[in-house]
Amino acid sequence: MRNLVDPVIRKLLPSKISQKTEKSLKNTSLLLGLLSAIAIVFDWYPLTMFLSFPFCVIWIYCAWLHTEPQLKWINLVFLLIYCFGILRYFFGIEMFG
């Protein structure tokens, strides 16, 4: 799986960024994470998915920059779950009943 995903990520995203840019990305991700948690508490569906999706994208990218294998794969799994949920929302797919 790694041999399939790593080249795609490397092709799409720069392999090096400045510390200032990385810090901005991580602060943006923190804000998205906090807003997502608030959306969960107040049951603001589907906002939770729309906030969590870019959160995961940022952390996947930052993990790929520093080759943190566990962090990038965990976030990739969450990203796929959010993609499924967003597609399900837009296409009105009912799963259970």
Protein backbone atom coordinates (compact mmCIF):
# COMPACT_ATOMS: atom_id res chain seq x y z
CA MET A 1 0.00 0.00 0.00
CA ARG A 2 2.82 2.34 0.89
CA ASN A 3 4.33 1.93 -2.60
CA LEU A 4 1.05 3.11 -4.12
CA VAL A 5 0.30 6.06 -1.85
CA ASP A 6 3.74 7.59 -1.21
CA PRO A 7 4.47 8.46 -4.88
CA VAL A 8 1.03 10.08 -5.25
CA ILE A 9 1.53 12.25 -2.17
CA ARG A 10 5.04 13.20 -3.26
CA LYS A 11 3.78 14.15 -6.71
CA LEU A 12 0.85 16.25 -5.44
CA LEU A 13 2.48 18.04 -2.51
CA PRO A 14 5.87 19.68 -2.04
CA SER A 15 8.29 17.58 -0.01
CA LYS A 16 9.70 20.59 1.83
CA ILE A 17 8.06 23.66 3.30
CA SER A 18 9.28 26.39 5.60
CA GLN A 19 8.80 26.10 9.35
CA LYS A 20 6.56 29.17 9.18
CA THR A 21 4.28 27.50 6.62
CA GLU A 22 4.21 24.25 8.59
CA LYS A 23 3.34 26.15 11.77
CA SER A 24 0.51 27.95 9.94
CA LEU A 25 -0.81 24.63 8.63
CA LYS A 26 -0.72 23.08 12.09
CA ASN A 27 -2.46 26.11 13.65
CA THR A 28 -5.14 25.94 10.96
CA SER A 29 -5.52 22.24 11.66
CA LEU A 30 -5.85 22.94 15.39
CA LEU A 31 -8.61 25.46 14.69
CA LEU A 32 -10.40 22.99 12.41
CA GLY A 33 -10.10 20.29 15.08
CA LEU A 34 -11.56 22.56 17.75
CA LEU A 35 -14.41 23.66 15.49
CA SER A 36 -15.09 20.03 14.60
CA ALA A 37 -15.28 19.09 18.29
CA ILE A 38 -17.72 21.96 18.90
CA ALA A 39 -19.78 20.82 15.91
CA ILE A 40 -19.91 17.30 17.39
CA VAL A 41 -21.05 18.59 20.79
CA PHE A 42 -23.81 20.69 19.23
CA ASP A 43 -24.74 17.97 16.72
CA TRP A 44 -24.15 20.20 13.70
CA TYR A 45 -24.11 17.40 11.17
CA PRO A 46 -22.66 17.43 8.44
CA LEU A 47 -20.39 20.32 9.48
CA THR A 48 -18.34 17.87 11.53
CA MET A 49 -17.25 16.03 8.38
CA PHE A 50 -16.51 19.18 6.42
CA LEU A 51 -14.26 20.47 9.20
CA SER A 52 -12.58 17.14 9.88
CA PHE A 53 -11.75 16.44 6.24
CA PRO A 54 -9.23 19.31 5.82
CA PHE A 55 -7.94 18.62 9.35
CA CYS A 56 -6.96 15.12 8.20
CA VAL A 57 -5.49 16.38 4.93
CA ILE A 58 -3.20 18.80 6.77
CA TRP A 59 -2.01 16.16 9.24
CA ILE A 60 -1.44 13.61 6.50
CA TYR A 61 0.70 16.15 4.68
CA CYS A 62 2.66 17.13 7.80
CA ALA A 63 3.21 13.45 8.66
CA TRP A 64 4.49 12.75 5.14
CA LEU A 65 6.93 15.64 5.49
CA HIS A 66 8.51 14.02 8.53
CA THR A 67 7.81 10.40 7.61
CA GLU A 68 5.74 9.65 10.70
CA PRO A 69 4.23 6.38 9.43
CA GLN A 70 1.68 5.76 12.16
CA LEU A 71 0.30 9.31 12.07
CA LYS A 72 -0.02 9.43 8.28
CA TRP A 73 -1.79 6.06 8.01
CA ILE A 74 -4.20 6.76 10.88
CA ASN A 75 -5.17 10.07 9.30
CA LEU A 76 -5.47 8.45 5.88
CA VAL A 77 -8.00 5.97 7.32
CA PHE A 78 -9.98 8.84 8.87
CA LEU A 79 -9.80 10.77 5.60
CA LEU A 80 -11.32 7.82 3.73
CA ILE A 81 -14.09 7.55 6.32
CA TYR A 82 -14.87 11.28 5.97
CA CYS A 83 -14.83 10.97 2.15
CA PHE A 84 -17.35 8.16 2.40
CA GLY A 85 -19.53 10.19 4.79
CA ILE A 86 -19.42 13.31 2.61
CA LEU A 87 -20.28 11.34 -0.54
CA ARG A 88 -23.07 9.57 1.35
CA TYR A 89 -24.41 12.96 2.48
CA PHE A 90 -24.39 14.48 -1.02
CA PHE A 91 -25.91 11.46 -2.73
CA GLY A 92 -28.39 10.65 0.04
CA ILE A 93 -27.25 7.06 0.42
CA GLU A 94 -29.00 5.25 3.28
CA MET A 95 -26.91 2.52 4.86
CA PHE A 96 -29.09 1.06 7.60
CA GLY A 97 -32.80 1.30 7.17
